[in-house]
Amino acid sequence: MHFTAEASSNGVVERNFTLGEVTGLLWSPASGSDRAARFFTRHLGRIIPPAA
């Protein structure tokens, strides 16, 4: 995992990352919190629409 950018606002740190070919975001408390980090990844594959 390689972090590519970081920003902080309202007690939350947002870090962009890449893991191989996959990109994503990691949100975590700025400090002193017992809450777990949240993350979002983006799959760059084909999007298949739902059946009608």
Protein backbone atom coordinates (compact mmCIF):
# COMPACT_ATOMS: atom_id res chain seq x y z
CA MET A 1 0.00 0.00 0.00
CA HIS A 2 1.31 3.40 -0.99
CA PHE A 3 -0.27 6.62 0.34
CA THR A 4 -0.46 9.25 -2.39
CA ALA A 5 -2.15 12.21 -0.60
CA GLU A 6 -3.33 13.26 2.85
CA ALA A 7 -5.76 15.90 4.13
CA SER A 8 -7.26 16.62 7.56
CA SER A 9 -10.52 18.36 8.44
CA ASN A 10 -12.95 18.33 11.39
CA GLY A 11 -11.01 15.68 13.30
CA VAL A 12 -10.83 13.25 10.36
CA VAL A 13 -7.74 12.36 8.32
CA GLU A 14 -8.32 11.31 4.70
CA ARG A 15 -5.54 9.43 2.92
CA ASN A 16 -5.58 8.43 -0.74
CA PHE A 17 -3.77 5.18 -1.45
CA THR A 18 -2.91 2.68 -4.14
CA LEU A 19 -2.49 -1.06 -3.69
CA GLY A 20 -1.15 -2.43 -6.92
CA GLU A 21 -3.66 -1.26 -9.56
CA VAL A 22 -6.42 -0.54 -7.03
CA THR A 23 -6.98 2.97 -5.68
CA GLY A 24 -8.86 3.90 -2.52
CA LEU A 25 -9.45 6.25 0.39
CA LEU A 26 -8.80 5.66 4.09
CA TRP A 27 -10.60 7.78 6.66
CA SER A 28 -9.42 7.68 10.27
CA PRO A 29 -9.79 9.80 13.42
CA ALA A 30 -7.17 12.54 13.67
CA SER A 31 -6.18 11.46 17.20
CA GLY A 32 -7.33 10.09 20.53
CA SER A 33 -10.37 8.19 19.33
CA ASP A 34 -11.21 4.53 19.84
CA ARG A 35 -13.21 4.35 16.60
CA ALA A 36 -11.95 2.18 13.77
CA ALA A 37 -10.71 3.59 10.47
CA ARG A 38 -13.02 3.42 7.44
CA PHE A 39 -11.85 2.74 3.92
CA PHE A 40 -13.18 2.78 0.38
CA THR A 41 -11.68 1.01 -2.60
CA ARG A 42 -12.51 1.36 -6.25
CA HIS A 43 -12.47 -1.55 -8.65
CA LEU A 44 -11.42 -0.47 -12.12
CA GLY A 45 -13.14 -3.39 -13.84
CA ARG A 46 -16.24 -3.40 -16.05
CA ILE A 47 -19.50 -2.31 -14.42
CA ILE A 48 -22.35 -4.74 -15.12
CA PRO A 49 -25.81 -3.12 -14.98
CA PRO A 50 -28.52 -4.92 -12.96
CA ALA A 51 -30.97 -7.10 -14.86
CA ALA A 52 -34.28 -5.44 -15.74
